[in-house]
Amino acid sequence: MATTARQASSWALAAEVAAALGEDSTVAETHPGGGQYDVLLVVPHSALDGAATAQVSLNRAGRLQVKRPKTKTMSRCTPIGCGTT
């Protein structure tokens, strides 16, 4: 998939996730690992102030992670399925 199509698709997916989570959700583009990764993060607005909340992380290389509030457990989803790490 071309980079432009991947970016458009990832933003569309992140917007759908944010809409499903409610009006309190926002999407932020992040580049963790010193810019090594290209990630869209879907979080409640309160997370932007440092609150411990659930978040959905969409790595544009193809991995979706769901972090549960008040834990460090991540659910990792790939085209094959989801699991907890």
Protein backbone atom coordinates (compact mmCIF):
# COMPACT_ATOMS: atom_id res chain seq x y z
CA MET A 1 0.00 0.00 0.00
CA ALA A 2 1.37 3.42 -0.92
CA THR A 3 2.36 5.71 1.93
CA THR A 4 -0.37 8.25 1.11
CA ALA A 5 -3.07 5.55 1.06
CA ARG A 6 -1.73 4.07 4.33
CA GLN A 7 -1.82 7.47 6.02
CA ALA A 8 -5.36 8.17 4.80
CA SER A 9 -6.56 4.72 5.84
CA SER A 10 -4.95 4.95 9.26
CA TRP A 11 -6.48 8.37 9.95
CA ALA A 12 -9.90 7.07 8.84
CA LEU A 13 -9.57 4.06 11.15
CA ALA A 14 -8.40 6.21 14.08
CA ALA A 15 -11.32 8.61 13.52
CA GLU A 16 -13.77 5.69 13.55
CA VAL A 17 -12.27 4.34 16.80
CA ALA A 18 -12.42 7.81 18.38
CA ALA A 19 -16.05 8.24 17.30
CA ALA A 20 -16.96 4.84 18.73
CA LEU A 21 -15.34 5.76 22.06
CA GLY A 22 -17.30 9.00 22.36
CA GLU A 23 -16.93 12.77 22.19
CA ASP A 24 -14.25 12.78 24.88
CA SER A 25 -11.78 11.00 22.57
CA THR A 26 -9.10 12.59 20.43
CA VAL A 27 -6.48 11.37 17.97
CA ALA A 28 -2.83 12.39 18.31
CA GLU A 29 -0.01 11.64 15.88
CA THR A 30 3.10 10.49 17.75
CA HIS A 31 6.58 9.32 16.81
CA PRO A 32 7.92 7.34 19.79
CA GLY A 33 11.36 5.79 19.90
CA GLY A 34 13.02 9.01 18.83
CA GLY A 35 10.95 9.12 15.63
CA GLN A 36 11.48 5.44 14.90
CA TYR A 37 7.72 4.70 14.85
CA ASP A 38 4.75 6.38 13.20
CA VAL A 39 1.76 5.99 15.53
CA LEU A 40 -1.76 7.38 15.84
CA LEU A 41 -2.92 7.39 19.44
CA VAL A 42 -6.64 7.47 20.32
CA VAL A 43 -7.16 8.67 23.90
CA PRO A 44 -9.64 10.57 26.05
CA HIS A 45 -8.82 14.28 26.32
CA SER A 46 -7.88 13.71 30.00
CA ALA A 47 -4.93 11.55 28.88
CA LEU A 48 -3.34 14.61 27.30
CA ASP A 49 -3.00 15.98 30.85
CA GLY A 50 -1.25 12.81 32.02
CA ALA A 51 -4.26 10.94 33.45
CA ALA A 52 -4.04 7.13 33.47
CA THR A 53 -6.64 6.11 30.91
CA ALA A 54 -7.26 3.47 28.29
CA GLN A 55 -5.70 4.15 24.93
CA VAL A 56 -5.63 2.69 21.44
CA SER A 57 -2.31 2.84 19.63
CA LEU A 58 -2.25 2.32 15.85
CA ASN A 59 1.26 1.78 14.51
CA ARG A 60 1.07 2.54 10.82
CA ALA A 61 3.40 -0.39 10.13
CA GLY A 62 0.39 -2.59 10.95
CA ARG A 63 -0.02 -3.19 14.70
CA LEU A 64 -2.94 -2.11 16.87
CA GLN A 65 -2.53 -2.06 20.66
CA VAL A 66 -5.11 -1.41 23.36
CA LYS A 67 -3.77 -0.32 26.74
CA ARG A 68 -6.12 -0.79 29.66
CA PRO A 69 -6.36 1.91 32.33
CA LYS A 70 -4.19 1.59 35.44
CA THR A 71 -2.22 -1.36 34.05
CA LYS A 72 0.76 -1.83 31.84
CA THR A 73 -0.87 -4.74 30.03
CA MET A 74 -1.23 -4.27 26.31
CA SER A 75 -3.51 -6.23 24.01
CA ARG A 76 -1.71 -6.67 20.72
CA CYS A 77 -3.71 -7.21 17.57
CA THR A 78 -2.35 -8.33 14.20
CA PRO A 79 -4.15 -9.60 11.10
CA ILE A 80 -3.99 -13.06 12.70
CA GLY A 81 -5.71 -12.13 15.98
CA CYS A 82 -5.33 -10.46 19.39
CA GLY A 83 -3.44 -11.48 22.49
CA THR A 84 -2.26 -10.03 25.80
CA THR A 85 1.39 -9.41 26.58
